[in-house]
Each structure stands twice: as C-alpha cells, then as structure tokens.
Amino acid sequence: MGTTVRIIGAPMDYGADRRGVDMGPSAIRYAGLADGLERAGVDPVDAGDLLMPRAEERDPDANQPSHGNAKFLREVEDICRRLSDQVADALANGEFPLVLGGDHSVAIGSMHGSARDADLGTIWFDAHADLNTPETSPSGNVHGMPLAATLGRGMFETTEWATAPRVREDAIAYVGLRSIDERERELVRESEMTAFTMADIDERGMTAVVEDALDVATDGTDGVHVSLDLDWLDPKTAPGVGTPVRGGVTYREAHAALETVSQRHDADGILRSMDVVEVNPILDEGNETATVAAELTASAFGKRIL
C-alpha cells in the first residue's frame, strides 16, 4: 500500500461478558503484527493503547438506558469518543488507522471517526450480525450492538457519540454470518444491508463472495472500513474468542478473503480504516488466535502466503 499504518490499541472489555479480551491488543502485537505489516510493505507506527478503567472497578448498570438494556454504556461511550478522535486524527495526517480490540463495541468508535468526513462503506467479517439494540438485546452486552449503534437504531438514534450519519447502510456487507438472533434476522432482512452467510461461501467460494461484498461497499462511497471479528473463523482455527460458533471460516479461506480486499485496494485505493477485535488470550491456546489475527491483518495490507 505504501502508507503509514497507525496502530491504535483499544483494550476494552466492557462490551463482553467474559473477561480477557482487553488483553487482545497486546497479544496481537506480541504475535508479530508490526513485522508482518513491514513485510507487507507498509510502515507501522504504534500509538499505544487508550487508557481505560478495569471493568471490575465500574458498575455495569450505572448508566442503563431507561427503556433498554446495555451494560457499561457510560464507559463504552467514553472510549468510543476518544477512539473516534484518534481515528479521525490518523486520517487527517494521511495515515491508515488500524484499531486493535478489545471487544467488538470498539467498532462504534473506529467507524464514527472514519466516517466524519467521508461516505463510508463497510465489510463486516463476523459470525454475528451485531444488530441488537438495548431494547432487543437479551444479554445487554454492547459487543452485540455496534452496527445498530453506528446506524442509529433503537435508543442509539439520539446518541451523537455512536451514530455516524455518513456510514452508508446500503453499502454494508456481511461476510460469513452463521449465528443470528431471530430478531436480528428480521432486521437484516428489512434493512438495506447485504448479507452473505457461510452457506453462500460454501456454495460460491470465498473469493467470489468477497468480490461481491466489495462491490456493495464501494458503490457510491469514499472508502471502506473493514471490521474483522476473530469469531468469524472456525474455533478450531481461532479458539481464543468469547463467542465461538462451529462451522466458521477456515484459515485458508480467511487469507483468501483478506487478500481479495488487498488486491481491490491495490487496484482502486478503496481501504480507509480497519479494526481487528475479539481476541481473548485467556481462552486461547498458545496465542494461536492472536497469531492468526496478526497474519490476516498483514494479508489485508498486501502480504501473501506465496
């Protein structure tokens, strides 16, 4: 890509119900992220981690919405506001913002910052739809709500810190869905988003699906945000995640997907921002999931298996 990549750690675990994902940024770095990026031809600059209190020091119900259920909402807001500023600052300096989570609620901040002055398309590599709201969430975990928050769904309609009006709903493409709540299924069907499930990948192949997803995300937009949740992969490949679902993407399929993104960027300059989330070292085996995360990120920036 020939660009500077600003690595921003967002070690947030307020959005999940299993502790440990706050160590994800450190684990991904330890797994060789910077070396992989350098071999891909980009210049990584590490901005360190956003500072945040431990979840054990806070009351998850202190700022519950009056008409819904969302744990640690005040803390999530604070982190996402600061993260949005960091992402926007990186873009203003001509750098590529690469956010390392933490749980998937960090995507609220990364997308908000990336969409401040651009119409943003999105590729959502995830097993889950992340379209719950505080009104519909059975758990209250905000890592199941980032797309709903960014699109201003439910109570998020009035939250300036979350809603990003320049995120194009019709330019959001899911890739690899396989675990969706019944209410979320209805919301996805009723929305302008495009959803490619694991069944689509089985039938058509990963490369064809990602090409179509990129067509969706680039249609009428100024750039694409890639959100990579490691539970997108099969638990045999990525065991260290909080919400594993069997039947996920294989190691080779995942690299093919990120290489396809990179190739489109090389041709058309489409990439604008990226987050990599949900690596939980406590649940991992020999830092395997963090290693996969680092390798896939390098593939997105141009590194090839061969």
C-alpha atoms as a PDB file:
ATOM      1  CA  MET A   1       0.000   0.000   0.000  1.00  0.00           C
ATOM      2  CA  GLY A   2       2.921   2.333   0.512  1.00  0.00           C
ATOM      3  CA  THR A   3       1.373   4.039   3.537  1.00  0.00           C
ATOM      4  CA  THR A   4       1.878   4.619   7.237  1.00  0.00           C
ATOM      5  CA  VAL A   5      -0.361   2.477   9.434  1.00  0.00           C
ATOM      6  CA  ARG A   6      -1.169   3.941  12.835  1.00  0.00           C
ATOM      7  CA  ILE A   7      -1.836   1.103  15.277  1.00  0.00           C
ATOM      8  CA  ILE A   8      -4.333   2.177  17.943  1.00  0.00           C
ATOM      9  CA  GLY A   9      -4.984  -0.184  20.834  1.00  0.00           C
ATOM     10  CA  ALA A  10      -8.476  -0.144  22.325  1.00  0.00           C
ATOM     11  CA  PRO A  11      -8.293  -2.768  25.111  1.00  0.00           C
ATOM     12  CA  MET A  12     -11.967  -2.552  26.001  1.00  0.00           C
ATOM     13  CA  ASP A  13     -13.872  -5.444  27.527  1.00  0.00           C
ATOM     14  CA  TYR A  14     -16.934  -3.520  28.710  1.00  0.00           C
ATOM     15  CA  GLY A  15     -18.963  -4.828  25.789  1.00  0.00           C
ATOM     16  CA  ALA A  16     -18.477  -8.546  26.507  1.00  0.00           C
ATOM     17  CA  ASP A  17     -19.479 -10.804  29.384  1.00  0.00           C
ATOM     18  CA  ARG A  18     -16.218 -12.770  29.518  1.00  0.00           C
ATOM     19  CA  ARG A  19     -13.119 -11.006  30.812  1.00  0.00           C
ATOM     20  CA  GLY A  20      -9.794 -11.226  28.996  1.00  0.00           C
ATOM     21  CA  VAL A  21     -10.463  -9.602  25.643  1.00  0.00           C
ATOM     22  CA  ASP A  22      -8.833  -6.426  26.983  1.00  0.00           C
ATOM     23  CA  MET A  23      -5.502  -8.242  26.539  1.00  0.00           C
ATOM     24  CA  GLY A  24      -6.178  -8.748  22.841  1.00  0.00           C
ATOM     25  CA  PRO A  25      -4.176  -5.741  21.546  1.00  0.00           C
ATOM     26  CA  SER A  26      -1.061  -6.836  23.449  1.00  0.00           C
ATOM     27  CA  ALA A  27      -1.441 -10.420  22.255  1.00  0.00           C
ATOM     28  CA  ILE A  28      -1.756  -9.362  18.610  1.00  0.00           C
ATOM     29  CA  ARG A  29       1.309  -7.157  18.885  1.00  0.00           C
ATOM     30  CA  TYR A  30       3.254  -9.968  20.567  1.00  0.00           C
ATOM     31  CA  ALA A  31       2.266 -12.289  17.718  1.00  0.00           C
ATOM     32  CA  GLY A  32       4.333 -10.246  15.270  1.00  0.00           C
ATOM     33  CA  LEU A  33       1.895  -7.690  13.882  1.00  0.00           C
ATOM     34  CA  ALA A  34       4.482  -4.984  13.204  1.00  0.00           C
ATOM     35  CA  ASP A  35       6.875  -7.377  11.455  1.00  0.00           C
ATOM     36  CA  GLY A  36       4.054  -8.710   9.304  1.00  0.00           C
ATOM     37  CA  LEU A  37       2.995  -5.222   8.292  1.00  0.00           C
ATOM     38  CA  GLU A  38       6.557  -4.294   7.406  1.00  0.00           C
ATOM     39  CA  ARG A  39       6.863  -7.394   5.227  1.00  0.00           C
ATOM     40  CA  ALA A  40       3.624  -6.321   3.550  1.00  0.00           C
ATOM     41  CA  GLY A  41       5.327  -3.073   2.560  1.00  0.00           C
ATOM     42  CA  VAL A  42       3.763  -0.592   4.988  1.00  0.00           C
ATOM     43  CA  ASP A  43       5.234   1.417   7.840  1.00  0.00           C
ATOM     44  CA  PRO A  44       3.609   0.607  11.211  1.00  0.00           C
ATOM     45  CA  VAL A  45       3.595   3.337  13.849  1.00  0.00           C
ATOM     46  CA  ASP A  46       2.268   2.219  17.221  1.00  0.00           C
ATOM     47  CA  ALA A  47       0.239   4.852  19.065  1.00  0.00           C
ATOM     48  CA  GLY A  48      -0.123   2.647  22.136  1.00  0.00           C
ATOM     49  CA  ASP A  49      -3.359   1.885  23.956  1.00  0.00           C
ATOM     50  CA  LEU A  50      -6.201   4.094  25.045  1.00  0.00           C
ATOM     51  CA  LEU A  51      -6.301   4.183  28.837  1.00  0.00           C
ATOM     52  CA  MET A  52      -9.426   2.848  30.488  1.00  0.00           C
ATOM     53  CA  PRO A  53     -10.502   1.653  33.932  1.00  0.00           C
ATOM     54  CA  ARG A  54     -10.856  -2.041  34.633  1.00  0.00           C
ATOM     55  CA  ALA A  55     -14.390  -3.361  34.248  1.00  0.00           C
ATOM     56  CA  GLU A  56     -14.217  -4.728  37.792  1.00  0.00           C
ATOM     57  CA  GLU A  57     -13.884  -1.154  39.049  1.00  0.00           C
ATOM     58  CA  ARG A  58     -17.114   0.004  37.440  1.00  0.00           C
ATOM     59  CA  ASP A  59     -20.827  -0.669  37.860  1.00  0.00           C
ATOM     60  CA  PRO A  60     -22.219  -2.229  34.665  1.00  0.00           C
ATOM     61  CA  ASP A  61     -25.712  -0.918  35.448  1.00  0.00           C
ATOM     62  CA  ALA A  62     -24.782   2.641  36.446  1.00  0.00           C
ATOM     63  CA  ASN A  63     -25.942   4.193  33.183  1.00  0.00           C
ATOM     64  CA  GLN A  64     -28.586   1.806  31.912  1.00  0.00           C
ATOM     65  CA  PRO A  65     -30.983   3.368  29.390  1.00  0.00           C
ATOM     66  CA  SER A  66     -34.467   3.803  30.788  1.00  0.00           C
ATOM     67  CA  HIS A  67     -36.040   1.751  28.005  1.00  0.00           C
ATOM     68  CA  GLY A  68     -33.458  -0.895  27.373  1.00  0.00           C
ATOM     69  CA  ASN A  69     -30.527  -2.986  28.493  1.00  0.00           C
ATOM     70  CA  ALA A  70     -26.913  -2.012  27.826  1.00  0.00           C
ATOM     71  CA  LYS A  71     -24.129  -2.737  30.303  1.00  0.00           C
ATOM     72  CA  PHE A  72     -21.276  -0.274  30.875  1.00  0.00           C
ATOM     73  CA  LEU A  73     -22.829   2.193  28.441  1.00  0.00           C
ATOM     74  CA  ARG A  74     -21.129   5.218  30.009  1.00  0.00           C
ATOM     75  CA  GLU A  75     -17.715   3.551  29.749  1.00  0.00           C
ATOM     76  CA  VAL A  76     -18.312   2.425  26.164  1.00  0.00           C
ATOM     77  CA  GLU A  77     -19.277   5.982  25.242  1.00  0.00           C
ATOM     78  CA  ASP A  78     -16.122   7.439  26.774  1.00  0.00           C
ATOM     79  CA  ILE A  79     -13.819   5.000  24.977  1.00  0.00           C
ATOM     80  CA  CYS A  80     -15.581   5.331  21.640  1.00  0.00           C
ATOM     81  CA  ARG A  81     -15.476   9.125  21.749  1.00  0.00           C
ATOM     82  CA  ARG A  82     -11.725   9.071  22.330  1.00  0.00           C
ATOM     83  CA  LEU A  83     -11.165   6.347  19.767  1.00  0.00           C
ATOM     84  CA  SER A  84     -13.166   8.256  17.166  1.00  0.00           C
ATOM     85  CA  ASP A  85     -10.870  11.257  17.679  1.00  0.00           C
ATOM     86  CA  GLN A  86      -7.753   9.082  17.270  1.00  0.00           C
ATOM     87  CA  VAL A  87      -9.049   7.512  14.053  1.00  0.00           C
ATOM     88  CA  ALA A  88     -10.045  10.879  12.598  1.00  0.00           C
ATOM     89  CA  ASP A  89      -6.655  12.334  13.558  1.00  0.00           C
ATOM     90  CA  ALA A  90      -4.805   9.483  11.827  1.00  0.00           C
ATOM     91  CA  LEU A  91      -6.783  10.044   8.625  1.00  0.00           C
ATOM     92  CA  ALA A  92      -6.194  13.804   8.781  1.00  0.00           C
ATOM     93  CA  ASN A  93      -2.448  13.089   8.995  1.00  0.00           C
ATOM     94  CA  GLY A  94      -2.557  10.857   5.922  1.00  0.00           C
ATOM     95  CA  GLU A  95      -2.188   7.664   7.968  1.00  0.00           C
ATOM     96  CA  PHE A  96      -4.233   4.474   7.902  1.00  0.00           C
ATOM     97  CA  PRO A  97      -5.958   3.813  11.259  1.00  0.00           C
ATOM     98  CA  LEU A  98      -5.716   0.181  12.395  1.00  0.00           C
ATOM     99  CA  VAL A  99      -7.652  -0.378  15.620  1.00  0.00           C
ATOM    100  CA  LEU A 100      -6.884  -3.394  17.799  1.00  0.00           C
ATOM    101  CA  GLY A 101      -9.682  -4.503  20.134  1.00  0.00           C
ATOM    102  CA  GLY A 102     -10.882  -5.341  22.705  1.00  0.00           C
ATOM    103  CA  ASP A 103     -14.434  -6.402  22.139  1.00  0.00           C
ATOM    104  CA  HIS A 104     -16.407  -5.510  19.015  1.00  0.00           C
ATOM    105  CA  SER A 105     -18.033  -2.451  20.558  1.00  0.00           C
ATOM    106  CA  VAL A 106     -14.799  -0.595  19.694  1.00  0.00           C
ATOM    107  CA  ALA A 107     -16.069  -0.602  16.093  1.00  0.00           C
ATOM    108  CA  ILE A 108     -18.528   2.126  17.103  1.00  0.00           C
ATOM    109  CA  GLY A 109     -15.603   4.460  17.710  1.00  0.00           C
ATOM    110  CA  SER A 110     -13.487   3.372  14.762  1.00  0.00           C
ATOM    111  CA  MET A 111     -16.365   3.741  12.277  1.00  0.00           C
ATOM    112  CA  HIS A 112     -17.524   7.028  13.794  1.00  0.00           C
ATOM    113  CA  GLY A 113     -14.070   8.517  13.339  1.00  0.00           C
ATOM    114  CA  SER A 114     -13.596   7.111   9.851  1.00  0.00           C
ATOM    115  CA  ALA A 115     -16.948   8.470   8.655  1.00  0.00           C
ATOM    116  CA  ARG A 116     -16.505  12.042   9.914  1.00  0.00           C
ATOM    117  CA  ASP A 117     -15.673  13.423   6.501  1.00  0.00           C
ATOM    118  CA  ALA A 118     -16.396  10.542   4.125  1.00  0.00           C
ATOM    119  CA  ASP A 119     -19.275   8.359   2.998  1.00  0.00           C
ATOM    120  CA  LEU A 120     -18.195   5.026   4.418  1.00  0.00           C
ATOM    121  CA  GLY A 121     -18.806   1.517   3.116  1.00  0.00           C
ATOM    122  CA  THR A 122     -18.236  -1.462   5.399  1.00  0.00           C
ATOM    123  CA  ILE A 123     -17.180  -5.107   5.164  1.00  0.00           C
ATOM    124  CA  TRP A 124     -18.223  -6.964   8.326  1.00  0.00           C
ATOM    125  CA  PHE A 125     -16.311 -10.248   8.688  1.00  0.00           C
ATOM    126  CA  ASP A 126     -18.201 -11.852  11.566  1.00  0.00           C
ATOM    127  CA  ALA A 127     -20.244 -14.850  12.647  1.00  0.00           C
ATOM    128  CA  HIS A 128     -22.787 -12.461  14.178  1.00  0.00           C
ATOM    129  CA  ALA A 129     -24.944  -9.627  12.862  1.00  0.00           C
ATOM    130  CA  ASP A 130     -24.225  -7.259  15.806  1.00  0.00           C
ATOM    131  CA  LEU A 131     -27.527  -5.522  15.160  1.00  0.00           C
ATOM    132  CA  ASN A 132     -29.138  -5.807  18.582  1.00  0.00           C
ATOM    133  CA  THR A 133     -30.177  -2.677  20.452  1.00  0.00           C
ATOM    134  CA  PRO A 134     -30.595  -2.110  24.196  1.00  0.00           C
ATOM    135  CA  GLU A 135     -34.294  -2.766  23.632  1.00  0.00           C
ATOM    136  CA  THR A 136     -33.751  -6.144  21.931  1.00  0.00           C
ATOM    137  CA  SER A 137     -30.537  -7.495  23.460  1.00  0.00           C
ATOM    138  CA  PRO A 138     -31.066 -10.499  25.738  1.00  0.00           C
ATOM    139  CA  SER A 139     -27.647 -10.031  27.375  1.00  0.00           C
ATOM    140  CA  GLY A 140     -27.087  -6.265  27.419  1.00  0.00           C
ATOM    141  CA  ASN A 141     -23.586  -6.797  26.002  1.00  0.00           C
ATOM    142  CA  VAL A 142     -22.739  -3.890  23.707  1.00  0.00           C
ATOM    143  CA  HIS A 143     -20.398  -6.012  21.551  1.00  0.00           C
ATOM    144  CA  GLY A 144     -23.619  -7.357  20.022  1.00  0.00           C
ATOM    145  CA  MET A 145     -24.780  -3.836  19.128  1.00  0.00           C
ATOM    146  CA  PRO A 146     -22.048  -1.931  17.220  1.00  0.00           C
ATOM    147  CA  LEU A 147     -23.779  -1.835  13.837  1.00  0.00           C
ATOM    148  CA  ALA A 148     -27.094  -0.896  15.436  1.00  0.00           C
ATOM    149  CA  ALA A 149     -25.332   1.914  17.304  1.00  0.00           C
ATOM    150  CA  THR A 150     -23.495   3.192  14.246  1.00  0.00           C
ATOM    151  CA  LEU A 151     -26.707   3.199  12.189  1.00  0.00           C
ATOM    152  CA  GLY A 152     -28.700   4.917  14.938  1.00  0.00           C
ATOM    153  CA  ARG A 153     -31.112   2.056  15.595  1.00  0.00           C
ATOM    154  CA  GLY A 154     -33.371   1.982  18.652  1.00  0.00           C
ATOM    155  CA  MET A 155     -32.233   4.190  21.523  1.00  0.00           C
ATOM    156  CA  PHE A 156     -28.987   4.879  19.649  1.00  0.00           C
ATOM    157  CA  GLU A 157     -30.952   7.205  17.361  1.00  0.00           C
ATOM    158  CA  THR A 158     -30.235  10.059  19.768  1.00  0.00           C
ATOM    159  CA  THR A 159     -26.631   9.185  20.696  1.00  0.00           C
ATOM    160  CA  GLU A 160     -24.302  11.522  18.838  1.00  0.00           C
ATOM    161  CA  TRP A 161     -21.227   9.657  20.073  1.00  0.00           C
ATOM    162  CA  ALA A 162     -22.351   6.421  18.388  1.00  0.00           C
ATOM    163  CA  THR A 163     -24.416   7.264  15.322  1.00  0.00           C
ATOM    164  CA  ALA A 164     -22.352   8.028  12.227  1.00  0.00           C
ATOM    165  CA  PRO A 165     -24.671   9.543   9.582  1.00  0.00           C
ATOM    166  CA  ARG A 166     -22.112   9.053   6.802  1.00  0.00           C
ATOM    167  CA  VAL A 167     -21.952   5.282   7.264  1.00  0.00           C
ATOM    168  CA  ARG A 168     -23.981   4.065   4.299  1.00  0.00           C
ATOM    169  CA  GLU A 169     -26.422   1.316   5.306  1.00  0.00           C
ATOM    170  CA  ASP A 170     -26.801   0.214   1.691  1.00  0.00           C
ATOM    171  CA  ALA A 171     -23.000  -0.115   1.486  1.00  0.00           C
ATOM    172  CA  ILE A 172     -22.621  -2.532   4.401  1.00  0.00           C
ATOM    173  CA  ALA A 173     -21.879  -6.144   3.513  1.00  0.00           C
ATOM    174  CA  TYR A 174     -21.727  -9.022   5.971  1.00  0.00           C
ATOM    175  CA  VAL A 175     -19.419 -11.889   5.061  1.00  0.00           C
ATOM    176  CA  GLY A 176     -19.736 -15.254   6.801  1.00  0.00           C
ATOM    177  CA  LEU A 177     -22.808 -14.884   9.036  1.00  0.00           C
ATOM    178  CA  ARG A 178     -23.805 -18.071  10.834  1.00  0.00           C
ATOM    179  CA  SER A 179     -25.234 -17.170  14.262  1.00  0.00           C
ATOM    180  CA  ILE A 180     -28.083 -14.626  14.271  1.00  0.00           C
ATOM    181  CA  ASP A 181     -30.803 -13.913  16.812  1.00  0.00           C
ATOM    182  CA  GLU A 182     -34.349 -14.240  15.493  1.00  0.00           C
ATOM    183  CA  ARG A 183     -35.000 -10.511  15.855  1.00  0.00           C
ATOM    184  CA  GLU A 184     -31.698  -9.690  14.180  1.00  0.00           C
ATOM    185  CA  ARG A 185     -32.630 -11.954  11.275  1.00  0.00           C
ATOM    186  CA  GLU A 186     -35.727  -9.847  10.693  1.00  0.00           C
ATOM    187  CA  LEU A 187     -33.741  -6.619  10.983  1.00  0.00           C
ATOM    188  CA  VAL A 188     -31.135  -7.760   8.457  1.00  0.00           C
ATOM    189  CA  ARG A 189     -33.847  -8.793   6.000  1.00  0.00           C
ATOM    190  CA  GLU A 190     -35.666  -5.478   6.406  1.00  0.00           C
ATOM    191  CA  SER A 191     -32.507  -3.383   6.079  1.00  0.00           C
ATOM    192  CA  GLU A 192     -30.606  -2.113   3.051  1.00  0.00           C
ATOM    193  CA  MET A 193     -27.557  -4.152   4.078  1.00  0.00           C
ATOM    194  CA  THR A 194     -26.298  -7.128   2.082  1.00  0.00           C
ATOM    195  CA  ALA A 195     -25.679 -10.394   3.919  1.00  0.00           C
ATOM    196  CA  PHE A 196     -23.507 -13.270   2.710  1.00  0.00           C
ATOM    197  CA  THR A 197     -23.740 -16.288   5.011  1.00  0.00           C
ATOM    198  CA  MET A 198     -21.480 -19.283   5.384  1.00  0.00           C
ATOM    199  CA  ALA A 199     -23.886 -21.086   3.078  1.00  0.00           C
ATOM    200  CA  ASP A 200     -23.079 -18.555   0.345  1.00  0.00           C
ATOM    201  CA  ILE A 201     -19.367 -19.154   0.879  1.00  0.00           C
ATOM    202  CA  ASP A 202     -19.888 -22.926   0.740  1.00  0.00           C
ATOM    203  CA  GLU A 203     -21.839 -22.621  -2.478  1.00  0.00           C
ATOM    204  CA  ARG A 204     -19.864 -19.967  -4.356  1.00  0.00           C
ATOM    205  CA  GLY A 205     -16.413 -19.835  -2.747  1.00  0.00           C
ATOM    206  CA  MET A 206     -14.822 -17.159  -0.604  1.00  0.00           C
ATOM    207  CA  THR A 207     -13.238 -15.057  -3.338  1.00  0.00           C
ATOM    208  CA  ALA A 208     -16.464 -14.644  -5.324  1.00  0.00           C
ATOM    209  CA  VAL A 209     -18.394 -13.682  -2.191  1.00  0.00           C
ATOM    210  CA  VAL A 210     -15.822 -11.116  -1.071  1.00  0.00           C
ATOM    211  CA  GLU A 211     -15.682  -9.600  -4.560  1.00  0.00           C
ATOM    212  CA  ASP A 212     -19.447  -9.099  -4.434  1.00  0.00           C
ATOM    213  CA  ALA A 213     -19.221  -7.691  -0.903  1.00  0.00           C
ATOM    214  CA  LEU A 214     -16.599  -5.199  -2.067  1.00  0.00           C
ATOM    215  CA  ASP A 215     -18.850  -4.149  -4.930  1.00  0.00           C
ATOM    216  CA  VAL A 216     -21.532  -3.358  -2.347  1.00  0.00           C
ATOM    217  CA  ALA A 217     -19.166  -1.495  -0.006  1.00  0.00           C
ATOM    218  CA  THR A 218     -17.575   0.621  -2.727  1.00  0.00           C
ATOM    219  CA  ASP A 219     -20.745   1.630  -4.570  1.00  0.00           C
ATOM    220  CA  GLY A 220     -21.005   5.400  -4.135  1.00  0.00           C
ATOM    221  CA  THR A 221     -18.688   5.555  -1.109  1.00  0.00           C
ATOM    222  CA  ASP A 222     -15.414   7.353  -0.438  1.00  0.00           C
ATOM    223  CA  GLY A 223     -13.728   4.363   1.187  1.00  0.00           C
ATOM    224  CA  VAL A 224     -14.239   1.097   3.013  1.00  0.00           C
ATOM    225  CA  HIS A 225     -13.947   0.161   6.666  1.00  0.00           C
ATOM    226  CA  VAL A 226     -13.051  -3.491   7.328  1.00  0.00           C
ATOM    227  CA  SER A 227     -14.176  -4.955  10.639  1.00  0.00           C
ATOM    228  CA  LEU A 228     -12.593  -8.324  11.396  1.00  0.00           C
ATOM    229  CA  ASP A 229     -14.013 -10.289  14.313  1.00  0.00           C
ATOM    230  CA  LEU A 230     -11.910 -13.375  15.023  1.00  0.00           C
ATOM    231  CA  ASP A 231     -15.017 -15.421  15.845  1.00  0.00           C
ATOM    232  CA  TRP A 232     -15.644 -15.284  12.089  1.00  0.00           C
ATOM    233  CA  LEU A 233     -13.188 -18.162  11.873  1.00  0.00           C
ATOM    234  CA  ASP A 234     -13.907 -21.701  12.950  1.00  0.00           C
ATOM    235  CA  PRO A 235     -12.994 -22.297  16.628  1.00  0.00           C
ATOM    236  CA  LYS A 236     -10.506 -24.964  15.554  1.00  0.00           C
ATOM    237  CA  THR A 237      -8.517 -22.185  13.872  1.00  0.00           C
ATOM    238  CA  ALA A 238      -9.281 -19.372  16.311  1.00  0.00           C
ATOM    239  CA  PRO A 239     -10.119 -20.843  19.734  1.00  0.00           C
ATOM    240  CA  GLY A 240      -9.418 -17.701  21.740  1.00  0.00           C
ATOM    241  CA  VAL A 241     -12.711 -15.831  21.285  1.00  0.00           C
ATOM    242  CA  GLY A 242     -15.570 -15.195  23.677  1.00  0.00           C
ATOM    243  CA  THR A 243     -18.438 -16.306  21.443  1.00  0.00           C
ATOM    244  CA  PRO A 244     -17.180 -19.239  19.323  1.00  0.00           C
ATOM    245  CA  VAL A 245     -19.535 -20.802  16.780  1.00  0.00           C
ATOM    246  CA  ARG A 246     -18.747 -24.035  14.964  1.00  0.00           C
ATOM    247  CA  GLY A 247     -18.751 -24.136  11.188  1.00  0.00           C
ATOM    248  CA  GLY A 248     -16.742 -20.989  10.565  1.00  0.00           C
ATOM    249  CA  VAL A 249     -14.208 -19.849   8.017  1.00  0.00           C
ATOM    250  CA  THR A 250     -11.016 -21.873   7.577  1.00  0.00           C
ATOM    251  CA  TYR A 251      -7.513 -20.445   7.815  1.00  0.00           C
ATOM    252  CA  ARG A 252      -7.006 -20.539   4.065  1.00  0.00           C
ATOM    253  CA  GLU A 253     -10.439 -19.080   3.311  1.00  0.00           C
ATOM    254  CA  ALA A 254      -9.738 -16.212   5.676  1.00  0.00           C
ATOM    255  CA  HIS A 255      -6.457 -15.376   3.973  1.00  0.00           C
ATOM    256  CA  ALA A 256      -8.142 -15.551   0.577  1.00  0.00           C
ATOM    257  CA  ALA A 257     -10.743 -13.064   1.798  1.00  0.00           C
ATOM    258  CA  LEU A 258      -8.247 -10.525   3.130  1.00  0.00           C
ATOM    259  CA  GLU A 259      -6.002 -10.940   0.081  1.00  0.00           C
ATOM    260  CA  THR A 260      -9.010 -10.180  -2.123  1.00  0.00           C
ATOM    261  CA  VAL A 261      -9.601  -6.983  -0.147  1.00  0.00           C
ATOM    262  CA  SER A 262      -5.946  -6.036  -0.561  1.00  0.00           C
ATOM    263  CA  GLN A 263      -5.976  -6.691  -4.289  1.00  0.00           C
ATOM    264  CA  ARG A 264      -9.018  -4.460  -4.759  1.00  0.00           C
ATOM    265  CA  HIS A 265      -7.281  -1.751  -2.751  1.00  0.00           C
ATOM    266  CA  ASP A 266      -4.173  -2.056  -4.903  1.00  0.00           C
ATOM    267  CA  ALA A 267      -6.347  -1.521  -7.967  1.00  0.00           C
ATOM    268  CA  ASP A 268      -8.734   1.150  -6.697  1.00  0.00           C
ATOM    269  CA  GLY A 269      -7.426   2.548  -3.377  1.00  0.00           C
ATOM    270  CA  ILE A 270     -10.595   1.583  -1.507  1.00  0.00           C
ATOM    271  CA  LEU A 271      -9.431   0.932   2.071  1.00  0.00           C
ATOM    272  CA  ARG A 272      -9.883   3.676   4.657  1.00  0.00           C
ATOM    273  CA  SER A 273      -9.788   2.048   8.110  1.00  0.00           C
ATOM    274  CA  MET A 274      -9.826  -1.331   9.845  1.00  0.00           C
ATOM    275  CA  ASP A 275     -10.424  -2.884  13.227  1.00  0.00           C
ATOM    276  CA  VAL A 276      -9.425  -6.339  14.466  1.00  0.00           C
ATOM    277  CA  VAL A 277     -11.373  -7.493  17.504  1.00  0.00           C
ATOM    278  CA  GLU A 278     -12.392 -10.197  19.986  1.00  0.00           C
ATOM    279  CA  VAL A 279      -9.047 -11.933  20.590  1.00  0.00           C
ATOM    280  CA  ASN A 280      -9.194 -13.297  24.139  1.00  0.00           C
ATOM    281  CA  PRO A 281      -5.818 -14.690  25.300  1.00  0.00           C
ATOM    282  CA  ILE A 282      -7.358 -16.282  28.396  1.00  0.00           C
ATOM    283  CA  LEU A 283      -9.384 -18.580  26.163  1.00  0.00           C
ATOM    284  CA  ASP A 284      -6.637 -19.074  23.571  1.00  0.00           C
ATOM    285  CA  GLU A 285      -4.202 -21.919  23.017  1.00  0.00           C
ATOM    286  CA  GLY A 286      -0.559 -20.837  22.692  1.00  0.00           C
ATOM    287  CA  ASN A 287      -1.532 -17.368  21.410  1.00  0.00           C
ATOM    288  CA  GLU A 288      -2.834 -19.057  18.252  1.00  0.00           C
ATOM    289  CA  THR A 289      -5.793 -16.724  17.735  1.00  0.00           C
ATOM    290  CA  ALA A 290      -3.660 -13.610  18.116  1.00  0.00           C
ATOM    291  CA  THR A 291      -1.163 -15.062  15.632  1.00  0.00           C
ATOM    292  CA  VAL A 292      -3.938 -15.675  13.125  1.00  0.00           C
ATOM    293  CA  ALA A 293      -5.192 -12.116  13.698  1.00  0.00           C
ATOM    294  CA  ALA A 294      -1.743 -10.669  13.023  1.00  0.00           C
ATOM    295  CA  GLU A 295      -1.308 -12.789   9.891  1.00  0.00           C
ATOM    296  CA  LEU A 296      -4.717 -11.900   8.480  1.00  0.00           C
ATOM    297  CA  THR A 297      -4.109  -8.218   9.108  1.00  0.00           C
ATOM    298  CA  ALA A 298      -0.859  -8.449   7.177  1.00  0.00           C
ATOM    299  CA  SER A 299      -2.745 -10.118   4.309  1.00  0.00           C
ATOM    300  CA  ALA A 300      -5.162  -7.178   4.231  1.00  0.00           C
ATOM    301  CA  PHE A 301      -2.195  -4.878   3.743  1.00  0.00           C
ATOM    302  CA  GLY A 302      -0.647  -6.881   0.926  1.00  0.00           C
ATOM    303  CA  LYS A 303       1.283  -9.785   2.416  1.00  0.00           C
ATOM    304  CA  ARG A 304       0.763 -13.042   0.518  1.00  0.00           C
ATOM    305  CA  ILE A 305       1.050 -16.683   1.551  1.00  0.00           C
ATOM    306  CA  LEU A 306       3.041 -17.265  -1.667  1.00  0.00           C
END
